[in-house]
PDB file of all heavy atoms in Angstrom:
ATOM      1  N   LYS A   1      94.109  92.781  91.385  1.00  0.00           N
ATOM      2  CA  LYS A   1      94.322  93.788  92.410  1.00  0.00           C
ATOM      3  C   LYS A   1      92.942  94.299  92.889  1.00  0.00           C
ATOM      4  O   LYS A   1      92.260  95.112  92.317  1.00  0.00           O
ATOM      5  CB  LYS A   1      95.108  94.946  91.754  1.00  0.00           C
ATOM      6  CG  LYS A   1      96.401  94.597  91.295  1.00  0.00           C
ATOM      7  CD  LYS A   1      97.440  94.490  92.524  1.00  0.00           C
ATOM      8  CE  LYS A   1      98.873  94.415  92.029  1.00  0.00           C
ATOM      9  NZ  LYS A   1      99.841  94.318  93.207  1.00  0.00           N
ATOM     10  N   ARG A   2      92.453  93.591  93.957  1.00  0.00           N
ATOM     11  CA  ARG A   2      91.089  93.744  94.339  1.00  0.00           C
ATOM     12  C   ARG A   2      90.612  95.122  94.766  1.00  0.00           C
ATOM     13  O   ARG A   2      89.465  95.567  94.409  1.00  0.00           O
ATOM     14  CB  ARG A   2      90.821  92.801  95.532  1.00  0.00           C
ATOM     15  CG  ARG A   2      89.398  92.982  96.093  1.00  0.00           C
ATOM     16  CD  ARG A   2      89.027  91.857  97.056  1.00  0.00           C
ATOM     17  NE  ARG A   2      87.695  92.007  97.508  1.00  0.00           N
ATOM     18  CZ  ARG A   2      86.979  91.061  98.231  1.00  0.00           C
ATOM     19  NH1 ARG A   2      87.580  90.020  98.532  1.00  0.00           N
ATOM     20  NH2 ARG A   2      85.693  91.271  98.551  1.00  0.00           N
ATOM     21  N   PHE A   3      91.514  95.939  95.316  1.00  0.00           N
ATOM     22  CA  PHE A   3      91.113  97.254  95.829  1.00  0.00           C
ATOM     23  C   PHE A   3      91.770  98.365  95.058  1.00  0.00           C
ATOM     24  O   PHE A   3      92.934  98.290  94.673  1.00  0.00           O
ATOM     25  CB  PHE A   3      91.456  97.411  97.383  1.00  0.00           C
ATOM     26  CG  PHE A   3      90.841  96.336  98.140  1.00  0.00           C
ATOM     27  CD1 PHE A   3      91.539  95.255  98.713  1.00  0.00           C
ATOM     28  CD2 PHE A   3      89.462  96.407  98.428  1.00  0.00           C
ATOM     29  CE1 PHE A   3      90.888  94.266  99.510  1.00  0.00           C
ATOM     30  CE2 PHE A   3      88.792  95.423  99.230  1.00  0.00           C
ATOM     31  CZ  PHE A   3      89.568  94.396  99.721  1.00  0.00           C
ATOM     32  N   ASP A   4      90.984  99.469  94.884  1.00  0.00           N
ATOM     33  CA  ASP A   4      91.630 100.799  94.659  1.00  0.00           C
ATOM     34  C   ASP A   4      91.643 101.601  95.974  1.00  0.00           C
ATOM     35  O   ASP A   4      90.435 101.762  96.555  1.00  0.00           O
ATOM     36  CB  ASP A   4      90.843 101.554  93.655  1.00  0.00           C
ATOM     37  CG  ASP A   4      91.167 101.072  92.160  1.00  0.00           C
ATOM     38  OD1 ASP A   4      92.241 100.607  92.011  1.00  0.00           O
ATOM     39  OD2 ASP A   4      90.305 101.232  91.337  1.00  0.00           O
ATOM     40  N   VAL A   5      92.807 101.915  96.533  1.00  0.00           N
ATOM     41  CA  VAL A   5      92.806 102.827  97.667  1.00  0.00           C
ATOM     42  C   VAL A   5      92.839 104.224  97.087  1.00  0.00           C
ATOM     43  O   VAL A   5      93.685 104.554  96.199  1.00  0.00           O
ATOM     44  CB  VAL A   5      94.097 102.584  98.497  1.00  0.00           C
ATOM     45  CG1 VAL A   5      94.094 103.411  99.757  1.00  0.00           C
ATOM     46  CG2 VAL A   5      94.201 101.052  98.911  1.00  0.00           C
ATOM     47  N   VAL A   6      91.891 105.000  97.560  1.00  0.00           N
ATOM     48  CA  VAL A   6      91.636 106.315  96.887  1.00  0.00           C
ATOM     49  C   VAL A   6      91.910 107.432  98.008  1.00  0.00           C
ATOM     50  O   VAL A   6      91.386 107.387  99.053  1.00  0.00           O
ATOM     51  CB  VAL A   6      90.179 106.439  96.420  1.00  0.00           C
ATOM     52  CG1 VAL A   6      90.030 107.759  95.671  1.00  0.00           C
ATOM     53  CG2 VAL A   6      89.883 105.189  95.529  1.00  0.00           C
ATOM     54  N   TYR A   7      92.675 108.431  97.541  1.00  0.00           N
ATOM     55  CA  TYR A   7      93.024 109.545  98.383  1.00  0.00           C
ATOM     56  C   TYR A   7      92.510 110.878  97.739  1.00  0.00           C
ATOM     57  O   TYR A   7      92.552 111.010  96.473  1.00  0.00           O
ATOM     58  CB  TYR A   7      94.569 109.753  98.589  1.00  0.00           C
ATOM     59  CG  TYR A   7      95.273 108.442  99.075  1.00  0.00           C
ATOM     60  CD1 TYR A   7      95.474 107.389  98.300  1.00  0.00           C
ATOM     61  CD2 TYR A   7      95.614 108.429 100.409  1.00  0.00           C
ATOM     62  CE1 TYR A   7      96.205 106.313  98.832  1.00  0.00           C
ATOM     63  CE2 TYR A   7      96.267 107.270 100.943  1.00  0.00           C
ATOM     64  CZ  TYR A   7      96.620 106.244 100.105  1.00  0.00           C
ATOM     65  OH  TYR A   7      97.180 105.137 100.622  1.00  0.00           O
ATOM     66  N   HIS A   8      92.054 111.754  98.518  1.00  0.00           N
ATOM     67  CA  HIS A   8      91.639 113.147  98.004  1.00  0.00           C
ATOM     68  C   HIS A   8      92.450 114.174  98.743  1.00  0.00           C
ATOM     69  O   HIS A   8      92.374 114.211  99.953  1.00  0.00           O
ATOM     70  CB  HIS A   8      90.070 113.275  98.192  1.00  0.00           C
ATOM     71  CG  HIS A   8      89.277 112.386  97.392  1.00  0.00           C
ATOM     72  ND1 HIS A   8      88.823 111.227  97.851  1.00  0.00           N
ATOM     73  CD2 HIS A   8      88.810 112.542  96.110  1.00  0.00           C
ATOM     74  CE1 HIS A   8      88.069 110.587  96.858  1.00  0.00           C
ATOM     75  NE2 HIS A   8      88.094 111.385  95.869  1.00  0.00           N
ATOM     76  N   PHE A   9      92.956 115.093  97.892  1.00  0.00           N
ATOM     77  CA  PHE A   9      93.784 116.211  98.486  1.00  0.00           C
ATOM     78  C   PHE A   9      93.315 117.596  97.954  1.00  0.00           C
ATOM     79  O   PHE A   9      92.731 117.601  96.863  1.00  0.00           O
ATOM     80  CB  PHE A   9      95.254 116.002  98.030  1.00  0.00           C
ATOM     81  CG  PHE A   9      95.986 114.750  98.495  1.00  0.00           C
ATOM     82  CD1 PHE A   9      96.000 113.633  97.618  1.00  0.00           C
ATOM     83  CD2 PHE A   9      96.360 114.563  99.799  1.00  0.00           C
ATOM     84  CE1 PHE A   9      96.610 112.546  97.989  1.00  0.00           C
ATOM     85  CE2 PHE A   9      96.943 113.355 100.158  1.00  0.00           C
ATOM     86  CZ  PHE A   9      97.081 112.275  99.256  1.00  0.00           C
ATOM     87  N   LEU A  10      93.575 118.557  98.742  1.00  0.00           N
ATOM     88  CA  LEU A  10      93.114 119.882  98.374  1.00  0.00           C
ATOM     89  C   LEU A  10      94.374 120.851  98.469  1.00  0.00           C
ATOM     90  O   LEU A  10      95.081 120.758  99.504  1.00  0.00           O
ATOM     91  CB  LEU A  10      92.038 120.370  99.284  1.00  0.00           C
ATOM     92  CG  LEU A  10      91.631 121.922  99.259  1.00  0.00           C
ATOM     93  CD1 LEU A  10      91.011 122.185  97.945  1.00  0.00           C
ATOM     94  CD2 LEU A  10      90.723 122.289 100.438  1.00  0.00           C
ATOM     95  N   SER A  11      94.424 121.738  97.500  1.00  0.00           N
ATOM     96  CA  SER A  11      95.498 122.826  97.643  1.00  0.00           C
ATOM     97  C   SER A  11      94.811 124.083  97.686  1.00  0.00           C
ATOM     98  O   SER A  11      94.290 124.632  96.581  1.00  0.00           O
ATOM     99  CB  SER A  11      96.381 122.679  96.383  1.00  0.00           C
ATOM    100  OG  SER A  11      97.294 123.900  96.336  1.00  0.00           O
ATOM    101  N   PRO A  12      94.840 124.762  98.759  1.00  0.00           N
ATOM    102  CA  PRO A  12      94.268 126.097  98.853  1.00  0.00           C
ATOM    103  C   PRO A  12      95.057 127.088  98.061  1.00  0.00           C
ATOM    104  O   PRO A  12      94.460 128.111  97.603  1.00  0.00           O
ATOM    105  CB  PRO A  12      94.331 126.391 100.400  1.00  0.00           C
ATOM    106  CG  PRO A  12      94.376 125.075 101.097  1.00  0.00           C
ATOM    107  CD  PRO A  12      95.244 124.250 100.137  1.00  0.00           C
ATOM    108  N   ARG A  13      96.393 126.805  97.941  1.00  0.00           N
ATOM    109  CA  ARG A  13      97.242 127.826  97.263  1.00  0.00           C
ATOM    110  C   ARG A  13      96.755 127.920  95.794  1.00  0.00           C
ATOM    111  O   ARG A  13      96.716 129.006  95.174  1.00  0.00           O
ATOM    112  CB  ARG A  13      98.674 127.403  97.377  1.00  0.00           C
ATOM    113  CG  ARG A  13      99.626 128.290  96.597  1.00  0.00           C
ATOM    114  CD  ARG A  13      99.630 129.723  97.143  1.00  0.00           C
ATOM    115  NE  ARG A  13      99.984 129.808  98.509  1.00  0.00           N
ATOM    116  CZ  ARG A  13     101.351 129.918  98.862  1.00  0.00           C
ATOM    117  NH1 ARG A  13     102.285 129.957  98.034  1.00  0.00           N
ATOM    118  NH2 ARG A  13     101.571 129.902 100.213  1.00  0.00           N
ATOM    119  N   ILE A  14      96.587 126.736  95.047  1.00  0.00           N
ATOM    120  CA  ILE A  14      96.264 126.834  93.663  1.00  0.00           C
ATOM    121  C   ILE A  14      94.745 126.562  93.414  1.00  0.00           C
ATOM    122  O   ILE A  14      94.311 126.561  92.289  1.00  0.00           O
ATOM    123  CB  ILE A  14      97.073 125.838  92.894  1.00  0.00           C
ATOM    124  CG1 ILE A  14      96.812 124.365  93.280  1.00  0.00           C
ATOM    125  CG2 ILE A  14      98.565 126.123  92.977  1.00  0.00           C
ATOM    126  CD1 ILE A  14      97.457 123.329  92.341  1.00  0.00           C
ATOM    127  N   ASN A  15      94.022 126.406  94.578  1.00  0.00           N
ATOM    128  CA  ASN A  15      92.562 126.248  94.473  1.00  0.00           C
ATOM    129  C   ASN A  15      92.200 125.069  93.617  1.00  0.00           C
ATOM    130  O   ASN A  15      91.347 125.154  92.745  1.00  0.00           O
ATOM    131  CB  ASN A  15      91.846 127.518  93.987  1.00  0.00           C
ATOM    132  CG  ASN A  15      90.389 127.511  94.260  1.00  0.00           C
ATOM    133  OD1 ASN A  15      89.864 126.825  95.143  1.00  0.00           O
ATOM    134  ND2 ASN A  15      89.664 128.175  93.406  1.00  0.00           N
ATOM    135  N   GLN A  16      92.829 123.910  93.845  1.00  0.00           N
ATOM    136  CA  GLN A  16      92.502 122.712  93.098  1.00  0.00           C
ATOM    137  C   GLN A  16      92.455 121.572  94.012  1.00  0.00           C
ATOM    138  O   GLN A  16      92.996 121.451  95.150  1.00  0.00           O
ATOM    139  CB  GLN A  16      93.593 122.465  92.006  1.00  0.00           C
ATOM    140  CG  GLN A  16      93.652 123.544  90.961  1.00  0.00           C
ATOM    141  CD  GLN A  16      92.464 123.603  90.083  1.00  0.00           C
ATOM    142  OE1 GLN A  16      91.651 122.663  90.017  1.00  0.00           O
ATOM    143  NE2 GLN A  16      92.282 124.700  89.349  1.00  0.00           N
ATOM    144  N   ARG A  17      91.801 120.448  93.500  1.00  0.00           N
ATOM    145  CA  ARG A  17      91.710 119.136  94.190  1.00  0.00           C
ATOM    146  C   ARG A  17      92.359 118.174  93.210  1.00  0.00           C
ATOM    147  O   ARG A  17      92.346 118.246  92.054  1.00  0.00           O
ATOM    148  CB  ARG A  17      90.300 118.712  94.490  1.00  0.00           C
ATOM    149  CG  ARG A  17      89.578 119.677  95.497  1.00  0.00           C
ATOM    150  CD  ARG A  17      88.113 119.366  95.552  1.00  0.00           C
ATOM    151  NE  ARG A  17      87.368 120.387  96.409  1.00  0.00           N
ATOM    152  CZ  ARG A  17      86.966 120.110  97.580  1.00  0.00           C
ATOM    153  NH1 ARG A  17      87.271 118.979  98.216  1.00  0.00           N
ATOM    154  NH2 ARG A  17      86.306 121.153  98.296  1.00  0.00           N
ATOM    155  N   VAL A  18      92.810 117.019  93.903  1.00  0.00           N
ATOM    156  CA  VAL A  18      93.326 115.923  93.111  1.00  0.00           C
ATOM    157  C   VAL A  18      92.900 114.620  93.798  1.00  0.00           C
ATOM    158  O   VAL A  18      92.863 114.497  95.003  1.00  0.00           O
ATOM    159  CB  VAL A  18      94.848 115.982  92.894  1.00  0.00           C
ATOM    160  CG1 VAL A  18      95.537 115.913  94.199  1.00  0.00           C
ATOM    161  CG2 VAL A  18      95.363 114.923  91.988  1.00  0.00           C
ATOM    162  N   ARG A  19      92.529 113.643  92.966  1.00  0.00           N
ATOM    163  CA  ARG A  19      92.230 112.266  93.468  1.00  0.00           C
ATOM    164  C   ARG A  19      93.419 111.389  93.123  1.00  0.00           C
ATOM    165  O   ARG A  19      93.828 111.340  91.882  1.00  0.00           O
ATOM    166  CB  ARG A  19      90.947 111.782  92.904  1.00  0.00           C
ATOM    167  CG  ARG A  19      90.626 110.371  93.298  1.00  0.00           C
ATOM    168  CD  ARG A  19      89.378 109.912  92.480  1.00  0.00           C
ATOM    169  NE  ARG A  19      88.232 110.606  92.684  1.00  0.00           N
ATOM    170  CZ  ARG A  19      87.607 111.382  91.739  1.00  0.00           C
ATOM    171  NH1 ARG A  19      88.166 111.446  90.526  1.00  0.00           N
ATOM    172  NH2 ARG A  19      86.494 112.034  92.041  1.00  0.00           N
ATOM    173  N   VAL A  20      93.953 110.619  94.050  1.00  0.00           N
ATOM    174  CA  VAL A  20      94.991 109.673  93.744  1.00  0.00           C
ATOM    175  C   VAL A  20      94.550 108.240  94.066  1.00  0.00           C
ATOM    176  O   VAL A  20      93.902 108.039  95.086  1.00  0.00           O
ATOM    177  CB  VAL A  20      96.200 110.078  94.651  1.00  0.00           C
ATOM    178  CG1 VAL A  20      97.333 108.983  94.430  1.00  0.00           C
ATOM    179  CG2 VAL A  20      96.806 111.409  94.336  1.00  0.00           C
ATOM    180  N   LYS A  21      94.728 107.355  93.135  1.00  0.00           N
ATOM    181  CA  LYS A  21      94.301 106.027  93.272  1.00  0.00           C
ATOM    182  C   LYS A  21      95.526 105.080  93.127  1.00  0.00           C
ATOM    183  O   LYS A  21      96.381 105.251  92.373  1.00  0.00           O
ATOM    184  CB  LYS A  21      93.358 105.607  92.159  1.00  0.00           C
ATOM    185  CG  LYS A  21      91.951 106.365  92.202  1.00  0.00           C
ATOM    186  CD  LYS A  21      90.901 105.593  91.391  1.00  0.00           C
ATOM    187  CE  LYS A  21      91.313 105.393  90.035  1.00  0.00           C
ATOM    188  NZ  LYS A  21      90.221 104.752  89.178  1.00  0.00           N
ATOM    189  N   ALA A  22      95.538 103.991  94.033  1.00  0.00           N
ATOM    190  CA  ALA A  22      96.544 102.999  94.010  1.00  0.00           C
ATOM    191  C   ALA A  22      95.900 101.607  94.073  1.00  0.00           C
ATOM    192  O   ALA A  22      95.128 101.318  94.966  1.00  0.00           O
ATOM    193  CB  ALA A  22      97.552 103.224  95.199  1.00  0.00           C
ATOM    194  N   ALA A  23      96.256 100.773  93.143  1.00  0.00           N
ATOM    195  CA  ALA A  23      95.649  99.384  93.080  1.00  0.00           C
ATOM    196  C   ALA A  23      96.358  98.510  94.120  1.00  0.00           C
ATOM    197  O   ALA A  23      97.615  98.604  94.251  1.00  0.00           O
ATOM    198  CB  ALA A  23      95.741  98.782  91.671  1.00  0.00           C
ATOM    199  N   LEU A  24      95.597  97.683  94.805  1.00  0.00           N
ATOM    200  CA  LEU A  24      96.193  96.870  95.888  1.00  0.00           C
ATOM    201  C   LEU A  24      95.530  95.543  96.023  1.00  0.00           C
ATOM    202  O   LEU A  24      94.254  95.415  95.882  1.00  0.00           O
ATOM    203  CB  LEU A  24      95.997  97.579  97.293  1.00  0.00           C
ATOM    204  CG  LEU A  24      96.884  97.143  98.365  1.00  0.00           C
ATOM    205  CD1 LEU A  24      98.266  97.508  98.263  1.00  0.00           C
ATOM    206  CD2 LEU A  24      96.252  97.677  99.748  1.00  0.00           C
ATOM    207  N   GLY A  25      96.337  94.444  96.004  1.00  0.00           N
ATOM    208  CA  GLY A  25      95.821  93.137  96.266  1.00  0.00           C
ATOM    209  C   GLY A  25      95.269  92.876  97.519  1.00  0.00           C
ATOM    210  O   GLY A  25      95.567  93.526  98.536  1.00  0.00           O
ATOM    211  N   GLU A  26      94.357  91.826  97.628  1.00  0.00           N
ATOM    212  CA  GLU A  26      93.682  91.578  98.879  1.00  0.00           C
ATOM    213  C   GLU A  26      94.620  91.252 100.100  1.00  0.00           C
ATOM    214  O   GLU A  26      94.393  91.639 101.137  1.00  0.00           O
ATOM    215  CB  GLU A  26      92.760  90.427  98.722  1.00  0.00           C
ATOM    216  CG  GLU A  26      91.870  90.143  99.904  1.00  0.00           C
ATOM    217  CD  GLU A  26      90.814  89.091  99.660  1.00  0.00           C
ATOM    218  OE1 GLU A  26      90.773  88.592  98.488  1.00  0.00           O
ATOM    219  OE2 GLU A  26      90.023  88.739 100.630  1.00  0.00           O
ATOM    220  N   ASN A  27      95.723  90.599  99.780  1.00  0.00           N
ATOM    221  CA  ASN A  27      96.754  90.211 100.817  1.00  0.00           C
ATOM    222  C   ASN A  27      97.921  91.142 100.846  1.00  0.00           C
ATOM    223  O   ASN A  27      98.927  90.847 101.442  1.00  0.00           O
ATOM    224  CB  ASN A  27      97.183  88.811 100.629  1.00  0.00           C
ATOM    225  CG  ASN A  27      95.995  87.847 100.737  1.00  0.00           C
ATOM    226  OD1 ASN A  27      95.178  87.938 101.649  1.00  0.00           O
ATOM    227  ND2 ASN A  27      95.932  86.887  99.802  1.00  0.00           N
ATOM    228  N   GLU A  28      97.828  92.328 100.172  1.00  0.00           N
ATOM    229  CA  GLU A  28      98.962  93.229 100.182  1.00  0.00           C
ATOM    230  C   GLU A  28      98.695  94.399 101.115  1.00  0.00           C
ATOM    231  O   GLU A  28      97.581  94.577 101.567  1.00  0.00           O
ATOM    232  CB  GLU A  28      99.117  93.870  98.723  1.00  0.00           C
ATOM    233  CG  GLU A  28      99.544  92.811  97.694  1.00  0.00           C
ATOM    234  CD  GLU A  28      99.617  93.401  96.280  1.00  0.00           C
ATOM    235  OE1 GLU A  28      99.183  94.487  96.145  1.00  0.00           O
ATOM    236  OE2 GLU A  28     100.232  92.722  95.432  1.00  0.00           O
ATOM    237  N   THR A  29      99.670  95.079 101.483  1.00  0.00           N
ATOM    238  CA  THR A  29      99.588  96.266 102.451  1.00  0.00           C
ATOM    239  C   THR A  29     100.057  97.491 101.614  1.00  0.00           C
ATOM    240  O   THR A  29     100.747  97.380 100.608  1.00  0.00           O
ATOM    241  CB  THR A  29     100.426  96.121 103.666  1.00  0.00           C
ATOM    242  OG1 THR A  29     101.850  95.997 103.349  1.00  0.00           O
ATOM    243  CG2 THR A  29      99.938  94.841 104.405  1.00  0.00           C
ATOM    244  N   ILE A  30      99.676  98.680 102.243  1.00  0.00           N
ATOM    245  CA  ILE A  30     100.172  99.935 101.673  1.00  0.00           C
ATOM    246  C   ILE A  30     100.631 100.809 102.832  1.00  0.00           C
ATOM    247  O   ILE A  30     100.135 100.687 103.980  1.00  0.00           O
ATOM    248  CB  ILE A  30      99.013 100.620 100.930  1.00  0.00           C
ATOM    249  CG1 ILE A  30      99.527 101.847 100.081  1.00  0.00           C
ATOM    250  CG2 ILE A  30      97.909 101.041 101.775  1.00  0.00           C
ATOM    251  CD1 ILE A  30      98.579 102.363  99.069  1.00  0.00           C
ATOM    252  N   ALA A  31     101.678 101.618 102.598  1.00  0.00           N
ATOM    253  CA  ALA A  31     102.187 102.487 103.613  1.00  0.00           C
ATOM    254  C   ALA A  31     101.297 103.537 104.056  1.00  0.00           C
ATOM    255  O   ALA A  31     100.503 104.087 103.348  1.00  0.00           O
ATOM    256  CB  ALA A  31     103.566 103.157 103.149  1.00  0.00           C
TER     257      ALA A  31
END
């Protein structure tokens, strides 16, 4: 799974951040 697609989100309500990672193959797609 060549890639980690990485997302960063912020919640002003709870004053926190979260990083989300999803492994993806070179010939695969993600929504």
